[in-house]
Amino acid sequence: MEEIVIQVIDEVRQSKAERGVVPTHVLYYKDLLPEVRARVLVAIENLVSSGKLTMVNTINDTAYDLGD
């Protein structure tokens, strides 16, 4: 997970630099969390598709368990 955070920060900084946005530092709520969340959701979707995770909708949330 640490590698993913470093990768996201590097990619966001590079993107900001290419677009001429200054400062290029990565904001936690605006830049980092949405990108990490998006990558986690893709990983979860892949794991559910491959059967490694099962997904269940609950009244208030979505639950995951290891696939059987």
PDB file of N, CA and C in Angstrom:
ATOM      1  N   MET A   1       0.822  -1.192   0.000  1.00  0.00           N
ATOM      2  CA  MET A   1       0.000   0.000   0.000  1.00  0.00           C
ATOM      3  C   MET A   1       0.865   1.254   0.000  1.00  0.00           C
ATOM      4  N   GLU A   2       1.996   1.194   0.678  1.00  0.00           N
ATOM      5  CA  GLU A   2       2.893   2.350   0.720  1.00  0.00           C
ATOM      6  C   GLU A   2       3.379   2.717  -0.676  1.00  0.00           C
ATOM      7  N   GLU A   3       3.654   1.709  -1.479  1.00  0.00           N
ATOM      8  CA  GLU A   3       4.113   1.951  -2.842  1.00  0.00           C
ATOM      9  C   GLU A   3       3.029   2.642  -3.663  1.00  0.00           C
ATOM     10  N   ILE A   4       1.779   2.270  -3.442  1.00  0.00           N
ATOM     11  CA  ILE A   4       0.667   2.883  -4.167  1.00  0.00           C
ATOM     12  C   ILE A   4       0.548   4.353  -3.795  1.00  0.00           C
ATOM     13  N   VAL A   5       0.677   4.661  -2.520  1.00  0.00           N
ATOM     14  CA  VAL A   5       0.586   6.055  -2.080  1.00  0.00           C
ATOM     15  C   VAL A   5       1.704   6.875  -2.720  1.00  0.00           C
ATOM     16  N   ILE A   6       2.911   6.358  -2.716  1.00  0.00           N
ATOM     17  CA  ILE A   6       4.038   7.066  -3.332  1.00  0.00           C
ATOM     18  C   ILE A   6       3.801   7.241  -4.830  1.00  0.00           C
ATOM     19  N   GLN A   7       3.301   6.204  -5.483  1.00  0.00           N
ATOM     20  CA  GLN A   7       3.028   6.282  -6.918  1.00  0.00           C
ATOM     21  C   GLN A   7       1.972   7.341  -7.219  1.00  0.00           C
ATOM     22  N   VAL A   8       0.905   7.365  -6.448  1.00  0.00           N
ATOM     23  CA  VAL A   8      -0.158   8.353  -6.662  1.00  0.00           C
ATOM     24  C   VAL A   8       0.377   9.762  -6.457  1.00  0.00           C
ATOM     25  N   ILE A   9       1.137   9.972  -5.394  1.00  0.00           N
ATOM     26  CA  ILE A   9       1.699  11.300  -5.132  1.00  0.00           C
ATOM     27  C   ILE A   9       2.599  11.731  -6.287  1.00  0.00           C
ATOM     28  N   ASP A  10       3.426  10.829  -6.767  1.00  0.00           N
ATOM     29  CA  ASP A  10       4.315  11.154  -7.880  1.00  0.00           C
ATOM     30  C   ASP A  10       3.516  11.499  -9.137  1.00  0.00           C
ATOM     31  N   GLU A  11       2.499  10.706  -9.439  1.00  0.00           N
ATOM     32  CA  GLU A  11       1.683  10.954 -10.627  1.00  0.00           C
ATOM     33  C   GLU A  11       0.932  12.279 -10.533  1.00  0.00           C
ATOM     34  N   VAL A  12       0.374  12.588  -9.370  1.00  0.00           N
ATOM     35  CA  VAL A  12      -0.362  13.840  -9.203  1.00  0.00           C
ATOM     36  C   VAL A  12       0.589  15.028  -9.322  1.00  0.00           C
ATOM     37  N   ARG A  13       1.757  14.928  -8.704  1.00  0.00           N
ATOM     38  CA  ARG A  13       2.740  16.012  -8.806  1.00  0.00           C
ATOM     39  C   ARG A  13       3.155  16.245 -10.251  1.00  0.00           C
ATOM     40  N   GLN A  14       3.417  15.155 -10.985  1.00  0.00           N
ATOM     41  CA  GLN A  14       3.809  15.281 -12.383  1.00  0.00           C
ATOM     42  C   GLN A  14       2.690  15.915 -13.206  1.00  0.00           C
ATOM     43  N   SER A  15       1.477  15.488 -12.955  1.00  0.00           N
ATOM     44  CA  SER A  15       0.330  16.035 -13.677  1.00  0.00           C
ATOM     45  C   SER A  15       0.187  17.528 -13.428  1.00  0.00           C
ATOM     46  N   LYS A  16       0.340  17.935 -12.177  1.00  0.00           N
ATOM     47  CA  LYS A  16       0.248  19.352 -11.849  1.00  0.00           C
ATOM     48  C   LYS A  16       1.366  20.139 -12.531  1.00  0.00           C
ATOM     49  N   ALA A  17       2.563  19.600 -12.532  1.00  0.00           N
ATOM     50  CA  ALA A  17       3.692  20.281 -13.162  1.00  0.00           C
ATOM     51  C   ALA A  17       3.463  20.430 -14.664  1.00  0.00           C
ATOM     52  N   GLU A  18       2.962  19.372 -15.307  1.00  0.00           N
ATOM     53  CA  GLU A  18       2.700  19.429 -16.749  1.00  0.00           C
ATOM     54  C   GLU A  18       1.626  20.459 -17.096  1.00  0.00           C
ATOM     55  N   ARG A  19       0.680  20.647 -16.193  1.00  0.00           N
ATOM     56  CA  ARG A  19      -0.395  21.608 -16.426  1.00  0.00           C
ATOM     57  C   ARG A  19      -0.051  23.010 -15.941  1.00  0.00           C
ATOM     58  N   GLY A  20       1.129  23.156 -15.344  1.00  0.00           N
ATOM     59  CA  GLY A  20       1.562  24.459 -14.856  1.00  0.00           C
ATOM     60  C   GLY A  20       0.893  24.879 -13.563  1.00  0.00           C
ATOM     61  N   VAL A  21       0.376  23.916 -12.820  1.00  0.00           N
ATOM     62  CA  VAL A  21      -0.278  24.205 -11.538  1.00  0.00           C
ATOM     63  C   VAL A  21       0.794  24.298 -10.457  1.00  0.00           C
ATOM     64  N   VAL A  22       0.779  25.385  -9.713  1.00  0.00           N
ATOM     65  CA  VAL A  22       1.708  25.538  -8.595  1.00  0.00           C
ATOM     66  C   VAL A  22       0.924  25.908  -7.352  1.00  0.00           C
ATOM     67  N   PRO A  23       1.305  25.453  -6.214  1.00  0.00           N
ATOM     68  CA  PRO A  23       2.381  24.502  -5.967  1.00  0.00           C
ATOM     69  C   PRO A  23       1.973  23.100  -6.419  1.00  0.00           C
ATOM     70  N   THR A  24       2.960  22.262  -6.608  1.00  0.00           N
ATOM     71  CA  THR A  24       2.686  20.915  -7.103  1.00  0.00           C
ATOM     72  C   THR A  24       2.471  19.898  -5.986  1.00  0.00           C
ATOM     73  N   HIS A  25       2.468  20.378  -4.743  1.00  0.00           N
ATOM     74  CA  HIS A  25       2.274  19.403  -3.664  1.00  0.00           C
ATOM     75  C   HIS A  25       0.876  18.793  -3.756  1.00  0.00           C
ATOM     76  N   VAL A  26       0.721  17.625  -3.152  1.00  0.00           N
ATOM     77  CA  VAL A  26      -0.504  16.835  -3.256  1.00  0.00           C
ATOM     78  C   VAL A  26      -1.346  17.052  -2.002  1.00  0.00           C
ATOM     79  N   LEU A  27      -2.557  17.517  -2.215  1.00  0.00           N
ATOM     80  CA  LEU A  27      -3.473  17.743  -1.103  1.00  0.00           C
ATOM     81  C   LEU A  27      -4.166  16.437  -0.722  1.00  0.00           C
ATOM     82  N   TYR A  28      -4.303  16.217   0.567  1.00  0.00           N
ATOM     83  CA  TYR A  28      -4.841  14.961   1.070  1.00  0.00           C
ATOM     84  C   TYR A  28      -6.269  14.714   0.589  1.00  0.00           C
ATOM     85  N   TYR A  29      -7.173  15.654   0.857  1.00  0.00           N
ATOM     86  CA  TYR A  29      -8.577  15.441   0.529  1.00  0.00           C
ATOM     87  C   TYR A  29      -8.884  15.667  -0.950  1.00  0.00           C
ATOM     88  N   LYS A  30      -8.226  16.609  -1.564  1.00  0.00           N
ATOM     89  CA  LYS A  30      -8.544  16.959  -2.946  1.00  0.00           C
ATOM     90  C   LYS A  30      -7.864  16.042  -3.954  1.00  0.00           C
ATOM     91  N   ASP A  31      -6.629  15.672  -3.694  1.00  0.00           N
ATOM     92  CA  ASP A  31      -5.838  14.933  -4.675  1.00  0.00           C
ATOM     93  C   ASP A  31      -5.620  13.465  -4.331  1.00  0.00           C
ATOM     94  N   LEU A  32      -5.178  13.205  -3.112  1.00  0.00           N
ATOM     95  CA  LEU A  32      -4.740  11.858  -2.753  1.00  0.00           C
ATOM     96  C   LEU A  32      -5.890  10.887  -2.513  1.00  0.00           C
ATOM     97  N   LEU A  33      -6.799  11.237  -1.634  1.00  0.00           N
ATOM     98  CA  LEU A  33      -7.865  10.296  -1.282  1.00  0.00           C
ATOM     99  C   LEU A  33      -8.736   9.866  -2.458  1.00  0.00           C
ATOM    100  N   PRO A  34      -9.186  10.784  -3.313  1.00  0.00           N
ATOM    101  CA  PRO A  34     -10.013  10.326  -4.435  1.00  0.00           C
ATOM    102  C   PRO A  34      -9.285   9.342  -5.362  1.00  0.00           C
ATOM    103  N   GLU A  35      -8.006   9.578  -5.599  1.00  0.00           N
ATOM    104  CA  GLU A  35      -7.262   8.690  -6.487  1.00  0.00           C
ATOM    105  C   GLU A  35      -7.012   7.332  -5.846  1.00  0.00           C
ATOM    106  N   VAL A  36      -6.653   7.312  -4.572  1.00  0.00           N
ATOM    107  CA  VAL A  36      -6.447   6.035  -3.875  1.00  0.00           C
ATOM    108  C   VAL A  36      -7.766   5.267  -3.817  1.00  0.00           C
ATOM    109  N   ARG A  37      -8.857   5.962  -3.528  1.00  0.00           N
ATOM    110  CA  ARG A  37     -10.177   5.330  -3.478  1.00  0.00           C
ATOM    111  C   ARG A  37     -10.537   4.718  -4.825  1.00  0.00           C
ATOM    112  N   ALA A  38     -10.296   5.439  -5.899  1.00  0.00           N
ATOM    113  CA  ALA A  38     -10.603   4.932  -7.241  1.00  0.00           C
ATOM    114  C   ALA A  38      -9.818   3.662  -7.537  1.00  0.00           C
ATOM    115  N   ARG A  39      -8.556   3.643  -7.151  1.00  0.00           N
ATOM    116  CA  ARG A  39      -7.729   2.456  -7.400  1.00  0.00           C
ATOM    117  C   ARG A  39      -8.166   1.274  -6.546  1.00  0.00           C
ATOM    118  N   VAL A  40      -8.571   1.549  -5.314  1.00  0.00           N
ATOM    119  CA  VAL A  40      -9.068   0.478  -4.447  1.00  0.00           C
ATOM    120  C   VAL A  40     -10.353  -0.108  -5.026  1.00  0.00           C
ATOM    121  N   LEU A  41     -11.249   0.742  -5.515  1.00  0.00           N
ATOM    122  CA  LEU A  41     -12.499   0.259  -6.098  1.00  0.00           C
ATOM    123  C   LEU A  41     -12.256  -0.621  -7.319  1.00  0.00           C
ATOM    124  N   VAL A  42     -11.292  -0.244  -8.159  1.00  0.00           N
ATOM    125  CA  VAL A  42     -10.944  -1.074  -9.317  1.00  0.00           C
ATOM    126  C   VAL A  42     -10.420  -2.424  -8.849  1.00  0.00           C
ATOM    127  N   ALA A  43      -9.560  -2.410  -7.846  1.00  0.00           N
ATOM    128  CA  ALA A  43      -9.007  -3.662  -7.320  1.00  0.00           C
ATOM    129  C   ALA A  43     -10.116  -4.540  -6.743  1.00  0.00           C
ATOM    130  N   ILE A  44     -11.048  -3.936  -6.013  1.00  0.00           N
ATOM    131  CA  ILE A  44     -12.158  -4.697  -5.440  1.00  0.00           C
ATOM    132  C   ILE A  44     -13.010  -5.304  -6.550  1.00  0.00           C
ATOM    133  N   GLU A  45     -13.331  -4.516  -7.569  1.00  0.00           N
ATOM    134  CA  GLU A  45     -14.125  -5.026  -8.691  1.00  0.00           C
ATOM    135  C   GLU A  45     -13.431  -6.203  -9.362  1.00  0.00           C
ATOM    136  N   ASN A  46     -12.121  -6.104  -9.535  1.00  0.00           N
ATOM    137  CA  ASN A  46     -11.365  -7.211 -10.134  1.00  0.00           C
ATOM    138  C   ASN A  46     -11.386  -8.451  -9.253  1.00  0.00           C
ATOM    139  N   LEU A  47     -11.255  -8.257  -7.954  1.00  0.00           N
ATOM    140  CA  LEU A  47     -11.271  -9.390  -7.031  1.00  0.00           C
ATOM    141  C   LEU A  47     -12.647 -10.049  -6.977  1.00  0.00           C
ATOM    142  N   VAL A  48     -13.699  -9.254  -7.033  1.00  0.00           N
ATOM    143  CA  VAL A  48     -15.060  -9.815  -7.059  1.00  0.00           C
ATOM    144  C   VAL A  48     -15.272 -10.576  -8.368  1.00  0.00           C
ATOM    145  N   SER A  49     -14.849  -9.995  -9.475  1.00  0.00           N
ATOM    146  CA  SER A  49     -15.009 -10.642 -10.790  1.00  0.00           C
ATOM    147  C   SER A  49     -14.269 -11.977 -10.865  1.00  0.00           C
ATOM    148  N   SER A  50     -13.115 -12.035 -10.240  1.00  0.00           N
ATOM    149  CA  SER A  50     -12.325 -13.261 -10.285  1.00  0.00           C
ATOM    150  C   SER A  50     -12.756 -14.276  -9.235  1.00  0.00           C
ATOM    151  N   GLY A  51     -13.680 -13.899  -8.364  1.00  0.00           N
ATOM    152  CA  GLY A  51     -14.175 -14.829  -7.348  1.00  0.00           C
ATOM    153  C   GLY A  51     -13.350 -14.861  -6.075  1.00  0.00           C
ATOM    154  N   LYS A  52     -12.345 -14.019  -5.971  1.00  0.00           N
ATOM    155  CA  LYS A  52     -11.523 -14.009  -4.768  1.00  0.00           C
ATOM    156  C   LYS A  52     -12.224 -13.296  -3.616  1.00  0.00           C
ATOM    157  N   LEU A  53     -13.165 -12.410  -3.950  1.00  0.00           N
ATOM    158  CA  LEU A  53     -14.001 -11.740  -2.954  1.00  0.00           C
ATOM    159  C   LEU A  53     -15.454 -11.941  -3.328  1.00  0.00           C
ATOM    160  N   THR A  54     -16.297 -11.955  -2.306  1.00  0.00           N
ATOM    161  CA  THR A  54     -17.737 -11.918  -2.546  1.00  0.00           C
ATOM    162  C   THR A  54     -18.250 -10.594  -2.002  1.00  0.00           C
ATOM    163  N   MET A  55     -19.277 -10.070  -2.660  1.00  0.00           N
ATOM    164  CA  MET A  55     -19.847  -8.785  -2.282  1.00  0.00           C
ATOM    165  C   MET A  55     -21.308  -8.988  -1.924  1.00  0.00           C
ATOM    166  N   VAL A  56     -21.730  -8.337  -0.834  1.00  0.00           N
ATOM    167  CA  VAL A  56     -23.121  -8.389  -0.400  1.00  0.00           C
ATOM    168  C   VAL A  56     -23.556  -6.973  -0.056  1.00  0.00           C
ATOM    169  N   ASN A  57     -24.716  -6.579  -0.563  1.00  0.00           N
ATOM    170  CA  ASN A  57     -25.276  -5.286  -0.176  1.00  0.00           C
ATOM    171  C   ASN A  57     -26.045  -5.457   1.124  1.00  0.00           C
ATOM    172  N   THR A  58     -25.736  -4.618   2.095  1.00  0.00           N
ATOM    173  CA  THR A  58     -26.458  -4.625   3.362  1.00  0.00           C
ATOM    174  C   THR A  58     -27.416  -3.435   3.358  1.00  0.00           C
ATOM    175  N   ILE A  59     -28.137  -3.250   4.425  1.00  0.00           N
ATOM    176  CA  ILE A  59     -29.078  -2.129   4.499  1.00  0.00           C
ATOM    177  C   ILE A  59     -28.332  -0.797   4.402  1.00  0.00           C
ATOM    178  N   ASN A  60     -27.189  -0.702   5.066  1.00  0.00           N
ATOM    179  CA  ASN A  60     -26.475   0.565   5.153  1.00  0.00           C
ATOM    180  C   ASN A  60     -25.170   0.642   4.365  1.00  0.00           C
ATOM    181  N   ASP A  61     -24.727  -0.473   3.796  1.00  0.00           N
ATOM    182  CA  ASP A  61     -23.385  -0.472   3.231  1.00  0.00           C
ATOM    183  C   ASP A  61     -23.231  -1.630   2.257  1.00  0.00           C
ATOM    184  N   THR A  62     -22.021  -1.818   1.807  1.00  0.00           N
ATOM    185  CA  THR A  62     -21.655  -2.973   1.006  1.00  0.00           C
ATOM    186  C   THR A  62     -20.615  -3.751   1.798  1.00  0.00           C
ATOM    187  N   ALA A  63     -20.786  -5.077   1.854  1.00  0.00           N
ATOM    188  CA  ALA A  63     -19.871  -5.909   2.632  1.00  0.00           C
ATOM    189  C   ALA A  63     -19.104  -6.825   1.702  1.00  0.00           C
ATOM    190  N   TYR A  64     -17.889  -7.138   2.087  1.00  0.00           N
ATOM    191  CA  TYR A  64     -17.040  -8.038   1.318  1.00  0.00           C
ATOM    192  C   TYR A  64     -16.542  -9.146   2.212  1.00  0.00           C
ATOM    193  N   ASP A  65     -16.348 -10.307   1.607  1.00  0.00           N
ATOM    194  CA  ASP A  65     -15.786 -11.446   2.317  1.00  0.00           C
ATOM    195  C   ASP A  65     -14.882 -12.174   1.342  1.00  0.00           C
ATOM    196  N   LEU A  66     -14.004 -12.995   1.880  1.00  0.00           N
ATOM    197  CA  LEU A  66     -13.155 -13.781   1.006  1.00  0.00           C
ATOM    198  C   LEU A  66     -14.002 -14.785   0.245  1.00  0.00           C
ATOM    199  N   GLY A  67     -13.730 -14.934  -1.040  1.00  0.00           N
ATOM    200  CA  GLY A  67     -14.496 -15.845  -1.886  1.00  0.00           C
ATOM    201  C   GLY A  67     -14.326 -17.276  -1.423  1.00  0.00           C
ATOM    202  N   ASP A  68     -15.311 -18.058  -1.735  1.00  0.00           N
ATOM    203  CA  ASP A  68     -15.265 -19.468  -1.318  1.00  0.00           C
ATOM    204  C   ASP A  68     -14.810 -20.366  -2.441  1.00  0.00           C
TER     205      ASP A  68
END
